[in-house]
Amino acid sequence: MSNSVEQRQRQMCERHQADFCPPAVGSKLGIARDVVRKDILPLNGLRHPVVRDTCGWYIWRGEEIPQDDDDYFDPMHVSHLPEECPEALPFLALPPGWRFLVAGDYVDVWYDESLLHVEE
């Protein structure tokens, strides 16, 4: 990851008084197939706790995650995110429990403690 991306991630964490917690090198995230469609808003992300080789991030577009699609998210190495969804990069160092929503110039970032309580 470039220094400018890391700098933007550090600024994001500082702005929200969150620990800097970037995904481990080689880790995976869950990404929706429609994330490449820039015409679908908003862009959403949420981070669950790290489990094995996953970083906990799930990224999708649209208002809600479809509840009837068990295969909505595909695994992807974090290193591919710059090509697939570069607008998510500034948020990736937020620790588990954080969410973001981006719709044009509107950006919202918030902590959601319920994300930390995941059933295995």
PDB file of N, CA and C in Angstrom:
ATOM      1  N   MET A   1       0.844  -1.166   0.000  1.00  0.00           N
ATOM      2  CA  MET A   1       0.000   0.000   0.000  1.00  0.00           C
ATOM      3  C   MET A   1       0.897   1.239   0.000  1.00  0.00           C
ATOM      4  N   SER A   2       0.553   2.236  -0.782  1.00  0.00           N
ATOM      5  CA  SER A   2       1.401   3.413  -0.899  1.00  0.00           C
ATOM      6  C   SER A   2       1.349   4.246   0.375  1.00  0.00           C
ATOM      7  N   ASN A   3       2.376   5.079   0.534  1.00  0.00           N
ATOM      8  CA  ASN A   3       2.433   5.946   1.715  1.00  0.00           C
ATOM      9  C   ASN A   3       1.274   6.917   1.767  1.00  0.00           C
ATOM     10  N   SER A   4       0.820   7.406   0.598  1.00  0.00           N
ATOM     11  CA  SER A   4      -0.298   8.349   0.607  1.00  0.00           C
ATOM     12  C   SER A   4      -1.584   7.677   1.078  1.00  0.00           C
ATOM     13  N   VAL A   5      -1.788   6.407   0.706  1.00  0.00           N
ATOM     14  CA  VAL A   5      -2.967   5.674   1.176  1.00  0.00           C
ATOM     15  C   VAL A   5      -2.858   5.462   2.678  1.00  0.00           C
ATOM     16  N   GLU A   6      -1.693   5.043   3.146  1.00  0.00           N
ATOM     17  CA  GLU A   6      -1.514   4.847   4.589  1.00  0.00           C
ATOM     18  C   GLU A   6      -1.718   6.165   5.340  1.00  0.00           C
ATOM     19  N   GLN A   7      -1.229   7.256   4.784  1.00  0.00           N
ATOM     20  CA  GLN A   7      -1.401   8.556   5.430  1.00  0.00           C
ATOM     21  C   GLN A   7      -2.886   8.915   5.525  1.00  0.00           C
ATOM     22  N   ARG A   8      -3.645   8.676   4.461  1.00  0.00           N
ATOM     23  CA  ARG A   8      -5.089   8.939   4.484  1.00  0.00           C
ATOM     24  C   ARG A   8      -5.792   8.041   5.503  1.00  0.00           C
ATOM     25  N   GLN A   9      -5.344   6.783   5.618  1.00  0.00           N
ATOM     26  CA  GLN A   9      -5.921   5.868   6.600  1.00  0.00           C
ATOM     27  C   GLN A   9      -5.621   6.340   8.016  1.00  0.00           C
ATOM     28  N   ARG A  10      -4.394   6.777   8.249  1.00  0.00           N
ATOM     29  CA  ARG A  10      -4.034   7.289   9.586  1.00  0.00           C
ATOM     30  C   ARG A  10      -4.861   8.530   9.934  1.00  0.00           C
ATOM     31  N   GLN A  11      -5.049   9.412   8.955  1.00  0.00           N
ATOM     32  CA  GLN A  11      -5.857  10.607   9.186  1.00  0.00           C
ATOM     33  C   GLN A  11      -7.304  10.239   9.504  1.00  0.00           C
ATOM     34  N   MET A  12      -7.827   9.239   8.797  1.00  0.00           N
ATOM     35  CA  MET A  12      -9.201   8.789   9.048  1.00  0.00           C
ATOM     36  C   MET A  12      -9.324   8.289  10.490  1.00  0.00           C
ATOM     37  N   CYS A  13      -8.375   7.475  10.925  1.00  0.00           N
ATOM     38  CA  CYS A  13      -8.412   6.941  12.295  1.00  0.00           C
ATOM     39  C   CYS A  13      -8.284   8.063  13.320  1.00  0.00           C
ATOM     40  N   GLU A  14      -7.370   8.998  13.083  1.00  0.00           N
ATOM     41  CA  GLU A  14      -7.203  10.120  14.010  1.00  0.00           C
ATOM     42  C   GLU A  14      -8.475  10.960  14.087  1.00  0.00           C
ATOM     43  N   ARG A  15      -9.087  11.233  12.942  1.00  0.00           N
ATOM     44  CA  ARG A  15     -10.302  12.052  12.883  1.00  0.00           C
ATOM     45  C   ARG A  15     -11.416  11.438  13.731  1.00  0.00           C
ATOM     46  N   HIS A  16     -11.464  10.102  13.776  1.00  0.00           N
ATOM     47  CA  HIS A  16     -12.537   9.418  14.505  1.00  0.00           C
ATOM     48  C   HIS A  16     -12.059   8.832  15.831  1.00  0.00           C
ATOM     49  N   GLN A  17     -10.854   9.216  16.231  1.00  0.00           N
ATOM     50  CA  GLN A  17     -10.262   8.763  17.494  1.00  0.00           C
ATOM     51  C   GLN A  17     -10.306   7.246  17.619  1.00  0.00           C
ATOM     52  N   ALA A  18      -9.918   6.596  16.530  1.00  0.00           N
ATOM     53  CA  ALA A  18      -9.890   5.131  16.478  1.00  0.00           C
ATOM     54  C   ALA A  18      -8.451   4.667  16.354  1.00  0.00           C
ATOM     55  N   ASP A  19      -8.169   3.491  16.875  1.00  0.00           N
ATOM     56  CA  ASP A  19      -6.842   2.907  16.720  1.00  0.00           C
ATOM     57  C   ASP A  19      -6.568   2.637  15.246  1.00  0.00           C
ATOM     58  N   PHE A  20      -5.313   2.767  14.856  1.00  0.00           N
ATOM     59  CA  PHE A  20      -4.876   2.438  13.499  1.00  0.00           C
ATOM     60  C   PHE A  20      -4.704   0.927  13.433  1.00  0.00           C
ATOM     61  N   CYS A  21      -5.524   0.262  12.640  1.00  0.00           N
ATOM     62  CA  CYS A  21      -5.570  -1.199  12.624  1.00  0.00           C
ATOM     63  C   CYS A  21      -5.695  -1.703  11.178  1.00  0.00           C
ATOM     64  N   PRO A  22      -4.660  -1.527  10.368  1.00  0.00           N
ATOM     65  CA  PRO A  22      -4.759  -1.948   8.961  1.00  0.00           C
ATOM     66  C   PRO A  22      -4.865  -3.460   8.836  1.00  0.00           C
ATOM     67  N   PRO A  23      -5.481  -3.936   7.762  1.00  0.00           N
ATOM     68  CA  PRO A  23      -5.554  -5.376   7.533  1.00  0.00           C
ATOM     69  C   PRO A  23      -4.158  -5.974   7.380  1.00  0.00           C
ATOM     70  N   ALA A  24      -3.991  -7.184   7.848  1.00  0.00           N
ATOM     71  CA  ALA A  24      -2.705  -7.874   7.703  1.00  0.00           C
ATOM     72  C   ALA A  24      -2.411  -8.138   6.227  1.00  0.00           C
ATOM     73  N   VAL A  25      -1.149  -8.087   5.884  1.00  0.00           N
ATOM     74  CA  VAL A  25      -0.731  -8.397   4.519  1.00  0.00           C
ATOM     75  C   VAL A  25      -1.183  -9.819   4.195  1.00  0.00           C
ATOM     76  N   GLY A  26      -1.807  -9.987   3.044  1.00  0.00           N
ATOM     77  CA  GLY A  26      -2.274 -11.305   2.624  1.00  0.00           C
ATOM     78  C   GLY A  26      -3.655 -11.680   3.132  1.00  0.00           C
ATOM     79  N   SER A  27      -4.275 -10.803   3.931  1.00  0.00           N
ATOM     80  CA  SER A  27      -5.599 -11.144   4.453  1.00  0.00           C
ATOM     81  C   SER A  27      -6.670 -10.911   3.391  1.00  0.00           C
ATOM     82  N   LYS A  28      -7.856 -11.441   3.672  1.00  0.00           N
ATOM     83  CA  LYS A  28      -8.983 -11.366   2.745  1.00  0.00           C
ATOM     84  C   LYS A  28     -10.117 -10.559   3.362  1.00  0.00           C
ATOM     85  N   LEU A  29     -10.968 -10.053   2.485  1.00  0.00           N
ATOM     86  CA  LEU A  29     -12.195  -9.382   2.905  1.00  0.00           C
ATOM     87  C   LEU A  29     -13.343  -9.947   2.088  1.00  0.00           C
ATOM     88  N   GLY A  30     -14.554  -9.590   2.454  1.00  0.00           N
ATOM     89  CA  GLY A  30     -15.733  -9.988   1.690  1.00  0.00           C
ATOM     90  C   GLY A  30     -16.167  -8.815   0.838  1.00  0.00           C
ATOM     91  N   ILE A  31     -16.339  -9.053  -0.446  1.00  0.00           N
ATOM     92  CA  ILE A  31     -16.717  -7.975  -1.348  1.00  0.00           C
ATOM     93  C   ILE A  31     -17.887  -8.422  -2.221  1.00  0.00           C
ATOM     94  N   ALA A  32     -18.859  -7.554  -2.366  1.00  0.00           N
ATOM     95  CA  ALA A  32     -20.019  -7.864  -3.192  1.00  0.00           C
ATOM     96  C   ALA A  32     -19.647  -7.759  -4.665  1.00  0.00           C
ATOM     97  N   ARG A  33     -20.284  -8.589  -5.468  1.00  0.00           N
ATOM     98  CA  ARG A  33     -20.005  -8.577  -6.913  1.00  0.00           C
ATOM     99  C   ARG A  33     -20.340  -7.252  -7.560  1.00  0.00           C
ATOM    100  N   ASP A  34     -21.309  -6.532  -7.018  1.00  0.00           N
ATOM    101  CA  ASP A  34     -21.740  -5.273  -7.619  1.00  0.00           C
ATOM    102  C   ASP A  34     -20.902  -4.067  -7.203  1.00  0.00           C
ATOM    103  N   VAL A  35     -19.843  -4.275  -6.449  1.00  0.00           N
ATOM    104  CA  VAL A  35     -19.066  -3.145  -5.937  1.00  0.00           C
ATOM    105  C   VAL A  35     -18.384  -2.352  -7.053  1.00  0.00           C
ATOM    106  N   VAL A  36     -18.171  -2.961  -8.194  1.00  0.00           N
ATOM    107  CA  VAL A  36     -17.543  -2.253  -9.312  1.00  0.00           C
ATOM    108  C   VAL A  36     -18.519  -1.321 -10.025  1.00  0.00           C
ATOM    109  N   ARG A  37     -19.807  -1.447  -9.745  1.00  0.00           N
ATOM    110  CA  ARG A  37     -20.829  -0.597 -10.393  1.00  0.00           C
ATOM    111  C   ARG A  37     -20.922   0.739  -9.673  1.00  0.00           C
ATOM    112  N   LYS A  38     -20.294   1.728 -10.243  1.00  0.00           N
ATOM    113  CA  LYS A  38     -20.249   3.058  -9.625  1.00  0.00           C
ATOM    114  C   LYS A  38     -21.611   3.755  -9.614  1.00  0.00           C
ATOM    115  N   ASP A  39     -22.576   3.247 -10.393  1.00  0.00           N
ATOM    116  CA  ASP A  39     -23.895   3.871 -10.463  1.00  0.00           C
ATOM    117  C   ASP A  39     -24.794   3.475  -9.293  1.00  0.00           C
ATOM    118  N   ILE A  40     -24.366   2.519  -8.486  1.00  0.00           N
ATOM    119  CA  ILE A  40     -25.154   2.094  -7.330  1.00  0.00           C
ATOM    120  C   ILE A  40     -24.588   2.784  -6.086  1.00  0.00           C
ATOM    121  N   LEU A  41     -25.447   3.531  -5.393  1.00  0.00           N
ATOM    122  CA  LEU A  41     -25.037   4.216  -4.168  1.00  0.00           C
ATOM    123  C   LEU A  41     -25.962   3.802  -3.039  1.00  0.00           C
ATOM    124  N   PRO A  42     -25.493   3.845  -1.827  1.00  0.00           N
ATOM    125  CA  PRO A  42     -24.166   4.234  -1.399  1.00  0.00           C
ATOM    126  C   PRO A  42     -23.185   3.061  -1.421  1.00  0.00           C
ATOM    127  N   LEU A  43     -21.904   3.382  -1.206  1.00  0.00           N
ATOM    128  CA  LEU A  43     -20.876   2.376  -0.961  1.00  0.00           C
ATOM    129  C   LEU A  43     -20.840   2.182   0.553  1.00  0.00           C
ATOM    130  N   ASN A  44     -20.885   0.929   0.999  1.00  0.00           N
ATOM    131  CA  ASN A  44     -20.912   0.610   2.426  1.00  0.00           C
ATOM    132  C   ASN A  44     -19.769  -0.313   2.796  1.00  0.00           C
ATOM    133  N   GLY A  45     -19.324  -0.193   4.021  1.00  0.00           N
ATOM    134  CA  GLY A  45     -18.358  -1.132   4.554  1.00  0.00           C
ATOM    135  C   GLY A  45     -18.561  -1.292   6.043  1.00  0.00           C
ATOM    136  N   LEU A  46     -18.315  -2.491   6.533  1.00  0.00           N
ATOM    137  CA  LEU A  46     -18.351  -2.740   7.970  1.00  0.00           C
ATOM    138  C   LEU A  46     -17.258  -3.746   8.297  1.00  0.00           C
ATOM    139  N   ARG A  47     -16.758  -3.634   9.528  1.00  0.00           N
ATOM    140  CA  ARG A  47     -15.653  -4.510   9.921  1.00  0.00           C
ATOM    141  C   ARG A  47     -15.991  -5.307  11.174  1.00  0.00           C
ATOM    142  N   HIS A  48     -16.040  -6.625  10.975  1.00  0.00           N
ATOM    143  CA  HIS A  48     -16.185  -7.563  12.081  1.00  0.00           C
ATOM    144  C   HIS A  48     -14.788  -7.881  12.632  1.00  0.00           C
ATOM    145  N   PRO A  49     -14.694  -8.601  13.735  1.00  0.00           N
ATOM    146  CA  PRO A  49     -13.384  -9.006  14.247  1.00  0.00           C
ATOM    147  C   PRO A  49     -12.618  -9.869  13.227  1.00  0.00           C
ATOM    148  N   VAL A  50     -11.313  -9.803  13.326  1.00  0.00           N
ATOM    149  CA  VAL A  50     -10.426 -10.603  12.481  1.00  0.00           C
ATOM    150  C   VAL A  50     -10.583 -12.073  12.854  1.00  0.00           C
ATOM    151  N   VAL A  51     -10.733 -12.932  11.837  1.00  0.00           N
ATOM    152  CA  VAL A  51     -10.828 -14.374  12.050  1.00  0.00           C
ATOM    153  C   VAL A  51      -9.907 -15.048  11.034  1.00  0.00           C
ATOM    154  N   ARG A  52      -8.987 -15.830  11.535  1.00  0.00           N
ATOM    155  CA  ARG A  52      -8.011 -16.542  10.701  1.00  0.00           C
ATOM    156  C   ARG A  52      -7.383 -15.616   9.665  1.00  0.00           C
ATOM    157  N   ASP A  53      -7.605 -15.870   8.375  1.00  0.00           N
ATOM    158  CA  ASP A  53      -6.955 -15.072   7.327  1.00  0.00           C
ATOM    159  C   ASP A  53      -7.862 -13.986   6.757  1.00  0.00           C
ATOM    160  N   THR A  54      -8.939 -13.660   7.472  1.00  0.00           N
ATOM    161  CA  THR A  54      -9.801 -12.566   7.026  1.00  0.00           C
ATOM    162  C   THR A  54      -9.551 -11.336   7.889  1.00  0.00           C
ATOM    163  N   CYS A  55      -9.739 -10.166   7.311  1.00  0.00           N
ATOM    164  CA  CYS A  55      -9.516  -8.926   8.060  1.00  0.00           C
ATOM    165  C   CYS A  55     -10.797  -8.404   8.697  1.00  0.00           C
ATOM    166  N   GLY A  56     -11.946  -9.012   8.364  1.00  0.00           N
ATOM    167  CA  GLY A  56     -13.213  -8.611   8.954  1.00  0.00           C
ATOM    168  C   GLY A  56     -14.035  -7.651   8.119  1.00  0.00           C
ATOM    169  N   TRP A  57     -13.460  -7.059   7.082  1.00  0.00           N
ATOM    170  CA  TRP A  57     -14.196  -6.090   6.265  1.00  0.00           C
ATOM    171  C   TRP A  57     -15.144  -6.770   5.285  1.00  0.00           C
ATOM    172  N   TYR A  58     -16.343  -6.172   5.145  1.00  0.00           N
ATOM    173  CA  TYR A  58     -17.326  -6.531   4.124  1.00  0.00           C
ATOM    174  C   TYR A  58     -17.706  -5.233   3.436  1.00  0.00           C
ATOM    175  N   ILE A  59     -17.634  -5.231   2.099  1.00  0.00           N
ATOM    176  CA  ILE A  59     -17.879  -4.012   1.328  1.00  0.00           C
ATOM    177  C   ILE A  59     -18.924  -4.308   0.255  1.00  0.00           C
ATOM    178  N   TRP A  60     -19.914  -3.419   0.120  1.00  0.00           N
ATOM    179  CA  TRP A  60     -20.984  -3.602  -0.851  1.00  0.00           C
ATOM    180  C   TRP A  60     -21.550  -2.248  -1.269  1.00  0.00           C
ATOM    181  N   ARG A  61     -22.388  -2.275  -2.280  1.00  0.00           N
ATOM    182  CA  ARG A  61     -23.090  -1.076  -2.747  1.00  0.00           C
ATOM    183  C   ARG A  61     -24.590  -1.280  -2.575  1.00  0.00           C
ATOM    184  N   GLY A  62     -25.295  -0.166  -2.385  1.00  0.00           N
ATOM    185  CA  GLY A  62     -26.740  -0.212  -2.233  1.00  0.00           C
ATOM    186  C   GLY A  62     -27.158   0.045  -0.804  1.00  0.00           C
ATOM    187  N   GLU A  63     -28.451   0.165  -0.621  1.00  0.00           N
ATOM    188  CA  GLU A  63     -29.007   0.503   0.697  1.00  0.00           C
ATOM    189  C   GLU A  63     -28.840  -0.629   1.711  1.00  0.00           C
ATOM    190  N   GLU A  64     -29.090  -1.871   1.286  1.00  0.00           N
ATOM    191  CA  GLU A  64     -29.065  -2.992   2.220  1.00  0.00           C
ATOM    192  C   GLU A  64     -28.394  -4.205   1.598  1.00  0.00           C
ATOM    193  N   ILE A  65     -27.930  -5.087   2.455  1.00  0.00           N
ATOM    194  CA  ILE A  65     -27.384  -6.375   2.009  1.00  0.00           C
ATOM    195  C   ILE A  65     -28.574  -7.295   1.745  1.00  0.00           C
ATOM    196  N   PRO A  66     -28.665  -7.886   0.565  1.00  0.00           N
ATOM    197  CA  PRO A  66     -29.777  -8.813   0.303  1.00  0.00           C
ATOM    198  C   PRO A  66     -29.765  -9.974   1.305  1.00  0.00           C
ATOM    199  N   GLN A  67     -30.883 -10.190   1.960  1.00  0.00           N
ATOM    200  CA  GLN A  67     -30.974 -11.239   2.976  1.00  0.00           C
ATOM    201  C   GLN A  67     -31.180 -12.619   2.371  1.00  0.00           C
ATOM    202  N   ASP A  68     -31.566 -12.684   1.099  1.00  0.00           N
ATOM    203  CA  ASP A  68     -31.865 -13.971   0.473  1.00  0.00           C
ATOM    204  C   ASP A  68     -30.741 -14.488  -0.420  1.00  0.00           C
ATOM    205  N   ASP A  69     -29.546 -13.893  -0.315  1.00  0.00           N
ATOM    206  CA  ASP A  69     -28.427 -14.288  -1.166  1.00  0.00           C
ATOM    207  C   ASP A  69     -27.232 -14.670  -0.293  1.00  0.00           C
ATOM    208  N   ASP A  70     -27.089 -15.964  -0.024  1.00  0.00           N
ATOM    209  CA  ASP A  70     -25.987 -16.442   0.820  1.00  0.00           C
ATOM    210  C   ASP A  70     -24.622 -16.255   0.173  1.00  0.00           C
ATOM    211  N   ASP A  71     -24.591 -16.069  -1.143  1.00  0.00           N
ATOM    212  CA  ASP A  71     -23.330 -15.897  -1.867  1.00  0.00           C
ATOM    213  C   ASP A  71     -23.114 -14.460  -2.319  1.00  0.00           C
ATOM    214  N   TYR A  72     -23.676 -13.507  -1.596  1.00  0.00           N
ATOM    215  CA  TYR A  72     -23.584 -12.105  -1.987  1.00  0.00           C
ATOM    216  C   TYR A  72     -22.151 -11.595  -1.929  1.00  0.00           C
ATOM    217  N   PHE A  73     -21.377 -12.068  -0.951  1.00  0.00           N
ATOM    218  CA  PHE A  73     -19.993 -11.634  -0.796  1.00  0.00           C
ATOM    219  C   PHE A  73     -19.037 -12.703  -1.303  1.00  0.00           C
ATOM    220  N   ASP A  74     -18.054 -12.263  -2.077  1.00  0.00           N
ATOM    221  CA  ASP A  74     -16.977 -13.141  -2.522  1.00  0.00           C
ATOM    222  C   ASP A  74     -15.729 -12.802  -1.728  1.00  0.00           C
ATOM    223  N   PRO A  75     -14.891 -13.792  -1.419  1.00  0.00           N
ATOM    224  CA  PRO A  75     -13.627 -13.479  -0.758  1.00  0.00           C
ATOM    225  C   PRO A  75     -12.662 -12.844  -1.756  1.00  0.00           C
ATOM    226  N   MET A  76     -11.880 -11.888  -1.273  1.00  0.00           N
ATOM    227  CA  MET A  76     -10.893 -11.236  -2.119  1.00  0.00           C
ATOM    228  C   MET A  76      -9.726 -10.801  -1.245  1.00  0.00           C
ATOM    229  N   HIS A  77      -8.515 -10.964  -1.748  1.00  0.00           N
ATOM    230  CA  HIS A  77      -7.357 -10.465  -1.015  1.00  0.00           C
ATOM    231  C   HIS A  77      -7.406  -8.941  -0.988  1.00  0.00           C
ATOM    232  N   VAL A  78      -7.074  -8.379   0.147  1.00  0.00           N
ATOM    233  CA  VAL A  78      -7.083  -6.930   0.325  1.00  0.00           C
ATOM    234  C   VAL A  78      -6.211  -6.248  -0.731  1.00  0.00           C
ATOM    235  N   SER A  79      -5.163  -6.913  -1.167  1.00  0.00           N
ATOM    236  CA  SER A  79      -4.252  -6.307  -2.149  1.00  0.00           C
ATOM    237  C   SER A  79      -4.931  -6.000  -3.482  1.00  0.00           C
ATOM    238  N   HIS A  80      -6.081  -6.606  -3.760  1.00  0.00           N
ATOM    239  CA  HIS A  80      -6.807  -6.347  -5.010  1.00  0.00           C
ATOM    240  C   HIS A  80      -7.794  -5.183  -4.892  1.00  0.00           C
ATOM    241  N   LEU A  81      -7.996  -4.681  -3.687  1.00  0.00           N
ATOM    242  CA  LEU A  81      -8.981  -3.619  -3.498  1.00  0.00           C
ATOM    243  C   LEU A  81      -8.672  -2.343  -4.283  1.00  0.00           C
ATOM    244  N   PRO A  82      -7.416  -1.939  -4.444  1.00  0.00           N
ATOM    245  CA  PRO A  82      -7.161  -0.724  -5.231  1.00  0.00           C
ATOM    246  C   PRO A  82      -7.721  -0.784  -6.655  1.00  0.00           C
ATOM    247  N   GLU A  83      -7.754  -1.961  -7.249  1.00  0.00           N
ATOM    248  CA  GLU A  83      -8.321  -2.082  -8.596  1.00  0.00           C
ATOM    249  C   GLU A  83      -9.851  -2.196  -8.553  1.00  0.00           C
ATOM    250  N   GLU A  84     -10.370  -2.896  -7.570  1.00  0.00           N
ATOM    251  CA  GLU A  84     -11.811  -3.181  -7.507  1.00  0.00           C
ATOM    252  C   GLU A  84     -12.635  -2.047  -6.896  1.00  0.00           C
ATOM    253  N   CYS A  85     -12.105  -1.420  -5.851  1.00  0.00           N
ATOM    254  CA  CYS A  85     -12.890  -0.410  -5.136  1.00  0.00           C
ATOM    255  C   CYS A  85     -11.960   0.557  -4.399  1.00  0.00           C
ATOM    256  N   PRO A  86     -11.244   1.401  -5.138  1.00  0.00           N
ATOM    257  CA  PRO A  86     -10.277   2.295  -4.492  1.00  0.00           C
ATOM    258  C   PRO A  86     -10.896   3.271  -3.495  1.00  0.00           C
ATOM    259  N   GLU A  87     -12.200   3.579  -3.663  1.00  0.00           N
ATOM    260  CA  GLU A  87     -12.801   4.531  -2.728  1.00  0.00           C
ATOM    261  C   GLU A  87     -12.948   3.974  -1.317  1.00  0.00           C
ATOM    262  N   ALA A  88     -12.787   2.676  -1.133  1.00  0.00           N
ATOM    263  CA  ALA A  88     -12.855   2.087   0.208  1.00  0.00           C
ATOM    264  C   ALA A  88     -11.516   2.153   0.950  1.00  0.00           C
ATOM    265  N   LEU A  89     -10.441   2.395   0.240  1.00  0.00           N
ATOM    266  CA  LEU A  89      -9.101   2.337   0.841  1.00  0.00           C
ATOM    267  C   LEU A  89      -8.900   3.236   2.063  1.00  0.00           C
ATOM    268  N   PRO A  90      -9.388   4.472   2.079  1.00  0.00           N
ATOM    269  CA  PRO A  90      -9.128   5.323   3.248  1.00  0.00           C
ATOM    270  C   PRO A  90      -9.696   4.783   4.559  1.00  0.00           C
ATOM    271  N   PHE A  91     -10.671   3.893   4.483  1.00  0.00           N
ATOM    272  CA  PHE A  91     -11.360   3.403   5.678  1.00  0.00           C
ATOM    273  C   PHE A  91     -10.765   2.104   6.238  1.00  0.00           C
ATOM    274  N   LEU A  92      -9.918   1.437   5.469  1.00  0.00           N
ATOM    275  CA  LEU A  92      -9.495   0.070   5.805  1.00  0.00           C
ATOM    276  C   LEU A  92      -8.733  -0.079   7.109  1.00  0.00           C
ATOM    277  N   ALA A  93      -8.125   0.971   7.624  1.00  0.00           N
ATOM    278  CA  ALA A  93      -7.366   0.840   8.873  1.00  0.00           C
ATOM    279  C   ALA A  93      -8.226   1.085  10.110  1.00  0.00           C
ATOM    280  N   LEU A  94      -9.506   1.412   9.916  1.00  0.00           N
ATOM    281  CA  LEU A  94     -10.401   1.503  11.070  1.00  0.00           C
ATOM    282  C   LEU A  94     -10.526   0.108  11.683  1.00  0.00           C
ATOM    283  N   PRO A  95     -10.511   0.006  12.995  1.00  0.00           N
ATOM    284  CA  PRO A  95     -10.537  -1.313  13.632  1.00  0.00           C
ATOM    285  C   PRO A  95     -11.917  -1.978  13.565  1.00  0.00           C
ATOM    286  N   PRO A  96     -11.973  -3.250  13.933  1.00  0.00           N
ATOM    287  CA  PRO A  96     -13.266  -3.936  14.000  1.00  0.00           C
ATOM    288  C   PRO A  96     -14.264  -3.128  14.830  1.00  0.00           C
ATOM    289  N   GLY A  97     -15.506  -3.133  14.361  1.00  0.00           N
ATOM    290  CA  GLY A  97     -16.564  -2.380  15.023  1.00  0.00           C
ATOM    291  C   GLY A  97     -16.917  -1.093  14.295  1.00  0.00           C
ATOM    292  N   TRP A  98     -16.183  -0.767  13.249  1.00  0.00           N
ATOM    293  CA  TRP A  98     -16.431   0.480  12.521  1.00  0.00           C
ATOM    294  C   TRP A  98     -17.146   0.212  11.213  1.00  0.00           C
ATOM    295  N   ARG A  99     -17.887   1.228  10.773  1.00  0.00           N
ATOM    296  CA  ARG A  99     -18.639   1.181   9.514  1.00  0.00           C
ATOM    297  C   ARG A  99     -18.394   2.476   8.755  1.00  0.00           C
ATOM    298  N   PHE A 100     -18.646   2.425   7.448  1.00  0.00           N
ATOM    299  CA  PHE A 100     -18.633   3.651   6.651  1.00  0.00           C
ATOM    300  C   PHE A 100     -19.704   3.577   5.577  1.00  0.00           C
ATOM    301  N   LEU A 101     -20.101   4.760   5.110  1.00  0.00           N
ATOM    302  CA  LEU A 101     -21.072   4.895   4.028  1.00  0.00           C
ATOM    303  C   LEU A 101     -20.631   6.097   3.200  1.00  0.00           C
ATOM    304  N   VAL A 102     -20.544   5.912   1.886  1.00  0.00           N
ATOM    305  CA  VAL A 102     -20.144   6.984   0.980  1.00  0.00           C
ATOM    306  C   VAL A 102     -21.185   7.072  -0.137  1.00  0.00           C
ATOM    307  N   ALA A 103     -21.739   8.274  -0.314  1.00  0.00           N
ATOM    308  CA  ALA A 103     -22.695   8.528  -1.394  1.00  0.00           C
ATOM    309  C   ALA A 103     -22.332   9.877  -2.003  1.00  0.00           C
ATOM    310  N   GLY A 104     -21.550   9.851  -3.069  1.00  0.00           N
ATOM    311  CA  GLY A 104     -21.081  11.097  -3.672  1.00  0.00           C
ATOM    312  C   GLY A 104     -20.164  11.822  -2.699  1.00  0.00           C
ATOM    313  N   ASP A 105     -20.503  13.070  -2.376  1.00  0.00           N
ATOM    314  CA  ASP A 105     -19.703  13.860  -1.433  1.00  0.00           C
ATOM    315  C   ASP A 105     -20.055  13.578   0.026  1.00  0.00           C
ATOM    316  N   TYR A 106     -21.128  12.841   0.254  1.00  0.00           N
ATOM    317  CA  TYR A 106     -21.550  12.518   1.621  1.00  0.00           C
ATOM    318  C   TYR A 106     -20.758  11.329   2.138  1.00  0.00           C
ATOM    319  N   VAL A 107     -20.125  11.495   3.287  1.00  0.00           N
ATOM    320  CA  VAL A 107     -19.361  10.419   3.918  1.00  0.00           C
ATOM    321  C   VAL A 107     -19.773  10.346   5.380  1.00  0.00           C
ATOM    322  N   ASP A 108     -20.086   9.136   5.834  1.00  0.00           N
ATOM    323  CA  ASP A 108     -20.422   8.923   7.239  1.00  0.00           C
ATOM    324  C   ASP A 108     -19.576   7.760   7.750  1.00  0.00           C
ATOM    325  N   VAL A 109     -18.993   7.938   8.913  1.00  0.00           N
ATOM    326  CA  VAL A 109     -18.163   6.917   9.551  1.00  0.00           C
ATOM    327  C   VAL A 109     -18.624   6.828  10.999  1.00  0.00           C
ATOM    328  N   TRP A 110     -18.912   5.608  11.479  1.00  0.00           N
ATOM    329  CA  TRP A 110     -19.378   5.475  12.849  1.00  0.00           C
ATOM    330  C   TRP A 110     -18.995   4.118  13.432  1.00  0.00           C
ATOM    331  N   TYR A 111     -18.993   4.101  14.760  1.00  0.00           N
ATOM    332  CA  TYR A 111     -18.682   2.885  15.509  1.00  0.00           C
ATOM    333  C   TYR A 111     -19.987   2.165  15.816  1.00  0.00           C
ATOM    334  N   ASP A 112     -19.972   0.843  15.623  1.00  0.00           N
ATOM    335  CA  ASP A 112     -21.153   0.008  15.853  1.00  0.00           C
ATOM    336  C   ASP A 112     -20.706  -1.206  16.664  1.00  0.00           C
ATOM    337  N   GLU A 113     -20.849  -1.117  17.963  1.00  0.00           N
ATOM    338  CA  GLU A 113     -20.376  -2.178  18.855  1.00  0.00           C
ATOM    339  C   GLU A 113     -20.982  -3.537  18.527  1.00  0.00           C
ATOM    340  N   SER A 114     -22.173  -3.563  17.955  1.00  0.00           N
ATOM    341  CA  SER A 114     -22.818  -4.845  17.645  1.00  0.00           C
ATOM    342  C   SER A 114     -21.997  -5.675  16.654  1.00  0.00           C
ATOM    343  N   LEU A 115     -21.136  -5.039  15.873  1.00  0.00           N
ATOM    344  CA  LEU A 115     -20.294  -5.769  14.923  1.00  0.00           C
ATOM    345  C   LEU A 115     -19.261  -6.655  15.616  1.00  0.00           C
ATOM    346  N   LEU A 116     -18.983  -6.362  16.863  1.00  0.00           N
ATOM    347  CA  LEU A 116     -17.982  -7.128  17.614  1.00  0.00           C
ATOM    348  C   LEU A 116     -18.547  -8.430  18.183  1.00  0.00           C
ATOM    349  N   HIS A 117     -19.857  -8.559  18.174  1.00  0.00           N
ATOM    350  CA  HIS A 117     -20.514  -9.731  18.746  1.00  0.00           C
ATOM    351  C   HIS A 117     -21.012 -10.624  17.620  1.00  0.00           C
ATOM    352  N   VAL A 118     -20.115 -11.413  17.079  1.00  0.00           N
ATOM    353  CA  VAL A 118     -20.427 -12.270  15.936  1.00  0.00           C
ATOM    354  C   VAL A 118     -20.496 -13.712  16.400  1.00  0.00           C
ATOM    355  N   GLU A 119     -21.566 -14.401  16.005  1.00  0.00           N
ATOM    356  CA  GLU A 119     -21.677 -15.816  16.338  1.00  0.00           C
ATOM    357  C   GLU A 119     -20.851 -16.640  15.370  1.00  0.00           C
ATOM    358  N   GLU A 120     -20.132 -17.609  15.871  1.00  0.00           N
ATOM    359  CA  GLU A 120     -19.277 -18.457  15.014  1.00  0.00           C
ATOM    360  C   GLU A 120     -20.075 -19.599  14.451  1.00  0.00           C
TER     361      GLU A 120
END
